[in-house]
Amino acid sequence: MKTINKSAKETVKEVWQAFVGIGRHFVRTLDDMSWPGIVAMCVLIALFLTILPLVITLFIGVLIAKLAINVFGDKKQHG
């Protein structure tokens, strides 16, 4: 039965064990991959890390431009 009354030390230990487990899984996966697979994975990660900030920045820029157009744009009412 799980208890919900854990101390901070037990919680930190559980989180540490989860990170260690993830790390071991990652190392085993890398060990099973071929060199071309590792290179391809690194290239894809680099592209993702390069393009994602650009996409987010452009999205925020378009939202700010749209907001500025709505606030400072022509306030004529049709009717």
PDB file of N, CA and C in Angstrom:
ATOM      1  N   MET A   1       0.839  -1.180   0.000  1.00  0.00           N
ATOM      2  CA  MET A   1       0.000   0.000   0.000  1.00  0.00           C
ATOM      3  C   MET A   1       0.883   1.241   0.000  1.00  0.00           C
ATOM      4  N   LYS A   2       0.529   2.210  -0.848  1.00  0.00           N
ATOM      5  CA  LYS A   2       1.324   3.428  -0.924  1.00  0.00           C
ATOM      6  C   LYS A   2       0.891   4.403   0.157  1.00  0.00           C
ATOM      7  N   THR A   3       1.857   5.096   0.673  1.00  0.00           N
ATOM      8  CA  THR A   3       1.559   6.128   1.660  1.00  0.00           C
ATOM      9  C   THR A   3       1.748   7.498   1.024  1.00  0.00           C
ATOM     10  N   ILE A   4       0.940   8.448   1.437  1.00  0.00           N
ATOM     11  CA  ILE A   4       1.067   9.794   0.901  1.00  0.00           C
ATOM     12  C   ILE A   4       1.888  10.692   1.826  1.00  0.00           C
ATOM     13  N   ASN A   5       2.239  10.202   2.988  1.00  0.00           N
ATOM     14  CA  ASN A   5       2.992  10.975   3.960  1.00  0.00           C
ATOM     15  C   ASN A   5       4.479  10.630   3.864  1.00  0.00           C
ATOM     16  N   LYS A   6       5.123  11.096   2.807  1.00  0.00           N
ATOM     17  CA  LYS A   6       6.548  10.848   2.627  1.00  0.00           C
ATOM     18  C   LYS A   6       7.335  12.056   3.125  1.00  0.00           C
ATOM     19  N   SER A   7       8.520  11.772   3.600  1.00  0.00           N
ATOM     20  CA  SER A   7       9.386  12.878   3.986  1.00  0.00           C
ATOM     21  C   SER A   7      10.046  13.424   2.725  1.00  0.00           C
ATOM     22  N   ALA A   8      10.627  14.599   2.866  1.00  0.00           N
ATOM     23  CA  ALA A   8      11.299  15.220   1.728  1.00  0.00           C
ATOM     24  C   ALA A   8      12.476  14.363   1.272  1.00  0.00           C
ATOM     25  N   LYS A   9      13.159  13.746   2.218  1.00  0.00           N
ATOM     26  CA  LYS A   9      14.311  12.898   1.883  1.00  0.00           C
ATOM     27  C   LYS A   9      13.872  11.698   1.050  1.00  0.00           C
ATOM     28  N   GLU A  10      12.751  11.075   1.414  1.00  0.00           N
ATOM     29  CA  GLU A  10      12.249   9.935   0.650  1.00  0.00           C
ATOM     30  C   GLU A  10      11.817  10.342  -0.752  1.00  0.00           C
ATOM     31  N   THR A  11      11.211  11.511  -0.857  1.00  0.00           N
ATOM     32  CA  THR A  11      10.779  12.002  -2.164  1.00  0.00           C
ATOM     33  C   THR A  11      11.980  12.276  -3.059  1.00  0.00           C
ATOM     34  N   VAL A  12      13.007  12.925  -2.515  1.00  0.00           N
ATOM     35  CA  VAL A  12      14.220  13.210  -3.285  1.00  0.00           C
ATOM     36  C   VAL A  12      14.889  11.910  -3.712  1.00  0.00           C
ATOM     37  N   LYS A  13      14.913  10.929  -2.825  1.00  0.00           N
ATOM     38  CA  LYS A  13      15.515   9.631  -3.153  1.00  0.00           C
ATOM     39  C   LYS A  13      14.743   8.956  -4.284  1.00  0.00           C
ATOM     40  N   GLU A  14      13.429   9.027  -4.248  1.00  0.00           N
ATOM     41  CA  GLU A  14      12.603   8.427  -5.298  1.00  0.00           C
ATOM     42  C   GLU A  14      12.825   9.127  -6.647  1.00  0.00           C
ATOM     43  N   VAL A  15      12.913  10.447  -6.621  1.00  0.00           N
ATOM     44  CA  VAL A  15      13.174  11.199  -7.846  1.00  0.00           C
ATOM     45  C   VAL A  15      14.554  10.845  -8.386  1.00  0.00           C
ATOM     46  N   TRP A  16      15.549  10.743  -7.510  1.00  0.00           N
ATOM     47  CA  TRP A  16      16.907  10.381  -7.929  1.00  0.00           C
ATOM     48  C   TRP A  16      16.922   8.999  -8.574  1.00  0.00           C
ATOM     49  N   GLN A  17      16.222   8.043  -7.978  1.00  0.00           N
ATOM     50  CA  GLN A  17      16.168   6.704  -8.542  1.00  0.00           C
ATOM     51  C   GLN A  17      15.499   6.705  -9.914  1.00  0.00           C
ATOM     52  N   ALA A  18      14.491   7.551 -10.097  1.00  0.00           N
ATOM     53  CA  ALA A  18      13.837   7.652 -11.404  1.00  0.00           C
ATOM     54  C   ALA A  18      14.810   8.212 -12.443  1.00  0.00           C
ATOM     55  N   PHE A  19      15.566   9.254 -12.075  1.00  0.00           N
ATOM     56  CA  PHE A  19      16.555   9.820 -13.003  1.00  0.00           C
ATOM     57  C   PHE A  19      17.642   8.809 -13.351  1.00  0.00           C
ATOM     58  N   VAL A  20      18.089   8.054 -12.360  1.00  0.00           N
ATOM     59  CA  VAL A  20      19.111   7.031 -12.613  1.00  0.00           C
ATOM     60  C   VAL A  20      18.553   5.964 -13.558  1.00  0.00           C
ATOM     61  N   GLY A  21      17.318   5.558 -13.353  1.00  0.00           N
ATOM     62  CA  GLY A  21      16.682   4.580 -14.234  1.00  0.00           C
ATOM     63  C   GLY A  21      16.570   5.084 -15.662  1.00  0.00           C
ATOM     64  N   ILE A  22      16.184   6.351 -15.818  1.00  0.00           N
ATOM     65  CA  ILE A  22      16.103   6.951 -17.151  1.00  0.00           C
ATOM     66  C   ILE A  22      17.487   7.004 -17.787  1.00  0.00           C
ATOM     67  N   GLY A  23      18.481   7.374 -17.000  1.00  0.00           N
ATOM     68  CA  GLY A  23      19.855   7.427 -17.513  1.00  0.00           C
ATOM     69  C   GLY A  23      20.348   6.071 -17.971  1.00  0.00           C
ATOM     70  N   ARG A  24      20.069   5.038 -17.187  1.00  0.00           N
ATOM     71  CA  ARG A  24      20.490   3.676 -17.567  1.00  0.00           C
ATOM     72  C   ARG A  24      19.791   3.229 -18.848  1.00  0.00           C
ATOM     73  N   HIS A  25      18.511   3.543 -18.963  1.00  0.00           N
ATOM     74  CA  HIS A  25      17.772   3.195 -20.182  1.00  0.00           C
ATOM     75  C   HIS A  25      18.375   3.920 -21.389  1.00  0.00           C
ATOM     76  N   PHE A  26      18.698   5.195 -21.225  1.00  0.00           N
ATOM     77  CA  PHE A  26      19.293   5.992 -22.300  1.00  0.00           C
ATOM     78  C   PHE A  26      20.636   5.406 -22.727  1.00  0.00           C
ATOM     79  N   VAL A  27      21.456   5.011 -21.756  1.00  0.00           N
ATOM     80  CA  VAL A  27      22.773   4.440 -22.063  1.00  0.00           C
ATOM     81  C   VAL A  27      22.620   3.109 -22.789  1.00  0.00           C
ATOM     82  N   ARG A  28      21.672   2.273 -22.342  1.00  0.00           N
ATOM     83  CA  ARG A  28      21.442   0.997 -23.032  1.00  0.00           C
ATOM     84  C   ARG A  28      20.962   1.222 -24.462  1.00  0.00           C
ATOM     85  N   THR A  29      20.095   2.214 -24.655  1.00  0.00           N
ATOM     86  CA  THR A  29      19.602   2.518 -25.999  1.00  0.00           C
ATOM     87  C   THR A  29      20.743   2.992 -26.890  1.00  0.00           C
ATOM     88  N   LEU A  30      21.599   3.876 -26.376  1.00  0.00           N
ATOM     89  CA  LEU A  30      22.747   4.331 -27.163  1.00  0.00           C
ATOM     90  C   LEU A  30      23.692   3.189 -27.484  1.00  0.00           C
ATOM     91  N   ASP A  31      23.863   2.270 -26.548  1.00  0.00           N
ATOM     92  CA  ASP A  31      24.753   1.138 -26.764  1.00  0.00           C
ATOM     93  C   ASP A  31      24.236   0.234 -27.888  1.00  0.00           C
ATOM     94  N   ASP A  32      22.925   0.129 -28.024  1.00  0.00           N
ATOM     95  CA  ASP A  32      22.324  -0.712 -29.061  1.00  0.00           C
ATOM     96  C   ASP A  32      22.292  -0.042 -30.433  1.00  0.00           C
ATOM     97  N   MET A  33      22.449   1.286 -30.481  1.00  0.00           N
ATOM     98  CA  MET A  33      22.354   2.013 -31.755  1.00  0.00           C
ATOM     99  C   MET A  33      23.664   1.920 -32.532  1.00  0.00           C
ATOM    100  N   SER A  34      23.523   1.970 -33.863  1.00  0.00           N
ATOM    101  CA  SER A  34      24.711   2.005 -34.718  1.00  0.00           C
ATOM    102  C   SER A  34      25.232   3.440 -34.776  1.00  0.00           C
ATOM    103  N   TRP A  35      26.495   3.588 -35.242  1.00  0.00           N
ATOM    104  CA  TRP A  35      27.072   4.929 -35.355  1.00  0.00           C
ATOM    105  C   TRP A  35      26.273   5.823 -36.295  1.00  0.00           C
ATOM    106  N   PRO A  36      25.845   5.351 -37.478  1.00  0.00           N
ATOM    107  CA  PRO A  36      25.017   6.223 -38.323  1.00  0.00           C
ATOM    108  C   PRO A  36      23.701   6.617 -37.647  1.00  0.00           C
ATOM    109  N   GLY A  37      23.139   5.716 -36.852  1.00  0.00           N
ATOM    110  CA  GLY A  37      21.918   6.050 -36.126  1.00  0.00           C
ATOM    111  C   GLY A  37      22.147   7.135 -35.093  1.00  0.00           C
ATOM    112  N   ILE A  38      23.287   7.047 -34.408  1.00  0.00           N
ATOM    113  CA  ILE A  38      23.621   8.073 -33.408  1.00  0.00           C
ATOM    114  C   ILE A  38      23.846   9.422 -34.085  1.00  0.00           C
ATOM    115  N   VAL A  39      24.539   9.416 -35.226  1.00  0.00           N
ATOM    116  CA  VAL A  39      24.778  10.672 -35.964  1.00  0.00           C
ATOM    117  C   VAL A  39      23.447  11.262 -36.417  1.00  0.00           C
ATOM    118  N   ALA A  40      22.571  10.427 -36.959  1.00  0.00           N
ATOM    119  CA  ALA A  40      21.263  10.914 -37.413  1.00  0.00           C
ATOM    120  C   ALA A  40      20.459  11.486 -36.246  1.00  0.00           C
ATOM    121  N   MET A  41      20.499  10.820 -35.099  1.00  0.00           N
ATOM    122  CA  MET A  41      19.783  11.312 -33.927  1.00  0.00           C
ATOM    123  C   MET A  41      20.338  12.672 -33.489  1.00  0.00           C
ATOM    124  N   CYS A  42      21.662  12.813 -33.488  1.00  0.00           N
ATOM    125  CA  CYS A  42      22.282  14.081 -33.099  1.00  0.00           C
ATOM    126  C   CYS A  42      21.912  15.204 -34.061  1.00  0.00           C
ATOM    127  N   VAL A  43      21.890  14.899 -35.354  1.00  0.00           N
ATOM    128  CA  VAL A  43      21.512  15.911 -36.348  1.00  0.00           C
ATOM    129  C   VAL A  43      20.062  16.332 -36.151  1.00  0.00           C
ATOM    130  N   LEU A  44      19.174  15.370 -35.920  1.00  0.00           N
ATOM    131  CA  LEU A  44      17.768  15.706 -35.704  1.00  0.00           C
ATOM    132  C   LEU A  44      17.570  16.528 -34.436  1.00  0.00           C
ATOM    133  N   ILE A  45      18.275  16.183 -33.379  1.00  0.00           N
ATOM    134  CA  ILE A  45      18.171  16.965 -32.136  1.00  0.00           C
ATOM    135  C   ILE A  45      18.689  18.385 -32.361  1.00  0.00           C
ATOM    136  N   ALA A  46      19.801  18.517 -33.102  1.00  0.00           N
ATOM    137  CA  ALA A  46      20.350  19.847 -33.384  1.00  0.00           C
ATOM    138  C   ALA A  46      19.376  20.673 -34.219  1.00  0.00           C
ATOM    139  N   LEU A  47      18.762  20.067 -35.221  1.00  0.00           N
ATOM    140  CA  LEU A  47      17.773  20.795 -36.029  1.00  0.00           C
ATOM    141  C   LEU A  47      16.582  21.215 -35.187  1.00  0.00           C
ATOM    142  N   PHE A  48      16.124  20.317 -34.333  1.00  0.00           N
ATOM    143  CA  PHE A  48      14.984  20.627 -33.470  1.00  0.00           C
ATOM    144  C   PHE A  48      15.310  21.791 -32.539  1.00  0.00           C
ATOM    145  N   LEU A  49      16.501  21.756 -31.935  1.00  0.00           N
ATOM    146  CA  LEU A  49      16.885  22.818 -31.002  1.00  0.00           C
ATOM    147  C   LEU A  49      17.161  24.135 -31.711  1.00  0.00           C
ATOM    148  N   THR A  50      17.472  24.076 -33.007  1.00  0.00           N
ATOM    149  CA  THR A  50      17.721  25.297 -33.766  1.00  0.00           C
ATOM    150  C   THR A  50      16.424  25.903 -34.280  1.00  0.00           C
ATOM    151  N   ILE A  51      15.530  25.078 -34.783  1.00  0.00           N
ATOM    152  CA  ILE A  51      14.321  25.582 -35.428  1.00  0.00           C
ATOM    153  C   ILE A  51      13.232  25.925 -34.418  1.00  0.00           C
ATOM    154  N   LEU A  52      13.122  25.187 -33.349  1.00  0.00           N
ATOM    155  CA  LEU A  52      12.053  25.423 -32.377  1.00  0.00           C
ATOM    156  C   LEU A  52      12.067  26.838 -31.792  1.00  0.00           C
ATOM    157  N   PRO A  53      13.211  27.380 -31.342  1.00  0.00           N
ATOM    158  CA  PRO A  53      13.186  28.761 -30.842  1.00  0.00           C
ATOM    159  C   PRO A  53      12.791  29.771 -31.917  1.00  0.00           C
ATOM    160  N   LEU A  54      13.204  29.523 -33.168  1.00  0.00           N
ATOM    161  CA  LEU A  54      12.822  30.417 -34.261  1.00  0.00           C
ATOM    162  C   LEU A  54      11.310  30.404 -34.459  1.00  0.00           C
ATOM    163  N   VAL A  55      10.709  29.234 -34.460  1.00  0.00           N
ATOM    164  CA  VAL A  55       9.262  29.121 -34.646  1.00  0.00           C
ATOM    165  C   VAL A  55       8.519  29.812 -33.503  1.00  0.00           C
ATOM    166  N   ILE A  56       8.957  29.590 -32.280  1.00  0.00           N
ATOM    167  CA  ILE A  56       8.300  30.215 -31.128  1.00  0.00           C
ATOM    168  C   ILE A  56       8.431  31.732 -31.194  1.00  0.00           C
ATOM    169  N   THR A  57       9.623  32.235 -31.559  1.00  0.00           N
ATOM    170  CA  THR A  57       9.837  33.674 -31.664  1.00  0.00           C
ATOM    171  C   THR A  57       8.956  34.287 -32.743  1.00  0.00           C
ATOM    172  N   LEU A  58       8.882  33.646 -33.896  1.00  0.00           N
ATOM    173  CA  LEU A  58       8.027  34.167 -34.966  1.00  0.00           C
ATOM    174  C   LEU A  58       6.561  34.142 -34.559  1.00  0.00           C
ATOM    175  N   PHE A  59       6.128  33.103 -33.881  1.00  0.00           N
ATOM    176  CA  PHE A  59       4.743  33.016 -33.428  1.00  0.00           C
ATOM    177  C   PHE A  59       4.413  34.152 -32.461  1.00  0.00           C
ATOM    178  N   ILE A  60       5.293  34.388 -31.496  1.00  0.00           N
ATOM    179  CA  ILE A  60       5.071  35.476 -30.538  1.00  0.00           C
ATOM    180  C   ILE A  60       5.089  36.826 -31.252  1.00  0.00           C
ATOM    181  N   GLY A  61       5.999  36.984 -32.220  1.00  0.00           N
ATOM    182  CA  GLY A  61       6.062  38.235 -32.984  1.00  0.00           C
ATOM    183  C   GLY A  61       4.777  38.501 -33.751  1.00  0.00           C
ATOM    184  N   VAL A  62       4.227  37.479 -34.376  1.00  0.00           N
ATOM    185  CA  VAL A  62       2.972  37.643 -35.114  1.00  0.00           C
ATOM    186  C   VAL A  62       1.829  37.971 -34.161  1.00  0.00           C
ATOM    187  N   LEU A  63       1.797  37.335 -33.006  1.00  0.00           N
ATOM    188  CA  LEU A  63       0.750  37.639 -32.033  1.00  0.00           C
ATOM    189  C   LEU A  63       0.848  39.081 -31.539  1.00  0.00           C
ATOM    190  N   ILE A  64       2.069  39.551 -31.283  1.00  0.00           N
ATOM    191  CA  ILE A  64       2.252  40.939 -30.839  1.00  0.00           C
ATOM    192  C   ILE A  64       1.848  41.904 -31.944  1.00  0.00           C
ATOM    193  N   ALA A  65       2.219  41.607 -33.193  1.00  0.00           N
ATOM    194  CA  ALA A  65       1.837  42.470 -34.318  1.00  0.00           C
ATOM    195  C   ALA A  65       0.318  42.515 -34.463  1.00  0.00           C
ATOM    196  N   LYS A  66      -0.343  41.373 -34.338  1.00  0.00           N
ATOM    197  CA  LYS A  66      -1.799  41.327 -34.438  1.00  0.00           C
ATOM    198  C   LYS A  66      -2.442  42.145 -33.321  1.00  0.00           C
ATOM    199  N   LEU A  67      -1.910  42.012 -32.114  1.00  0.00           N
ATOM    200  CA  LEU A  67      -2.435  42.783 -30.993  1.00  0.00           C
ATOM    201  C   LEU A  67      -2.237  44.282 -31.221  1.00  0.00           C
ATOM    202  N   ALA A  68      -1.066  44.681 -31.730  1.00  0.00           N
ATOM    203  CA  ALA A  68      -0.794  46.090 -31.994  1.00  0.00           C
ATOM    204  C   ALA A  68      -1.714  46.633 -33.075  1.00  0.00           C
ATOM    205  N   ILE A  69      -1.968  45.844 -34.093  1.00  0.00           N
ATOM    206  CA  ILE A  69      -2.872  46.277 -35.157  1.00  0.00           C
ATOM    207  C   ILE A  69      -4.281  46.457 -34.605  1.00  0.00           C
ATOM    208  N   ASN A  70      -4.719  45.554 -33.748  1.00  0.00           N
ATOM    209  CA  ASN A  70      -6.054  45.667 -33.166  1.00  0.00           C
ATOM    210  C   ASN A  70      -6.165  46.855 -32.218  1.00  0.00           C
ATOM    211  N   VAL A  71      -5.101  47.146 -31.473  1.00  0.00           N
ATOM    212  CA  VAL A  71      -5.171  48.243 -30.511  1.00  0.00           C
ATOM    213  C   VAL A  71      -5.010  49.591 -31.183  1.00  0.00           C
ATOM    214  N   PHE A  72      -4.029  49.710 -32.085  1.00  0.00           N
ATOM    215  CA  PHE A  72      -3.738  51.000 -32.698  1.00  0.00           C
ATOM    216  C   PHE A  72      -4.306  51.155 -34.107  1.00  0.00           C
ATOM    217  N   GLY A  73      -5.020  50.167 -34.555  1.00  0.00           N
ATOM    218  CA  GLY A  73      -5.561  50.190 -35.920  1.00  0.00           C
ATOM    219  C   GLY A  73      -6.717  51.156 -36.042  1.00  0.00           C
ATOM    220  N   ASP A  74      -7.283  51.159 -37.231  1.00  0.00           N
ATOM    221  CA  ASP A  74      -8.405  52.048 -37.556  1.00  0.00           C
ATOM    222  C   ASP A  74      -9.615  51.653 -36.722  1.00  0.00           C
ATOM    223  N   LYS A  75     -10.206  52.633 -36.032  1.00  0.00           N
ATOM    224  CA  LYS A  75     -11.312  52.321 -35.141  1.00  0.00           C
ATOM    225  C   LYS A  75     -12.663  52.683 -35.753  1.00  0.00           C
ATOM    226  N   LYS A  76     -12.734  52.758 -37.086  1.00  0.00           N
ATOM    227  CA  LYS A  76     -14.023  53.054 -37.743  1.00  0.00           C
ATOM    228  C   LYS A  76     -14.959  51.888 -37.553  1.00  0.00           C
ATOM    229  N   GLN A  77     -16.195  52.214 -37.283  1.00  0.00           N
ATOM    230  CA  GLN A  77     -17.195  51.168 -37.176  1.00  0.00           C
ATOM    231  C   GLN A  77     -18.036  51.163 -38.431  1.00  0.00           C
ATOM    232  N   HIS A  78     -18.244  50.005 -38.954  1.00  0.00           N
ATOM    233  CA  HIS A  78     -19.055  49.869 -40.158  1.00  0.00           C
ATOM    234  C   HIS A  78     -20.498  49.813 -39.743  1.00  0.00           C
ATOM    235  N   GLY A  79     -21.333  50.630 -40.398  1.00  0.00           N
ATOM    236  CA  GLY A  79     -22.723  50.525 -40.045  1.00  0.00           C
ATOM    237  C   GLY A  79     -23.477  51.695 -40.329  1.00  0.00           C
TER     238      GLY A  79
END
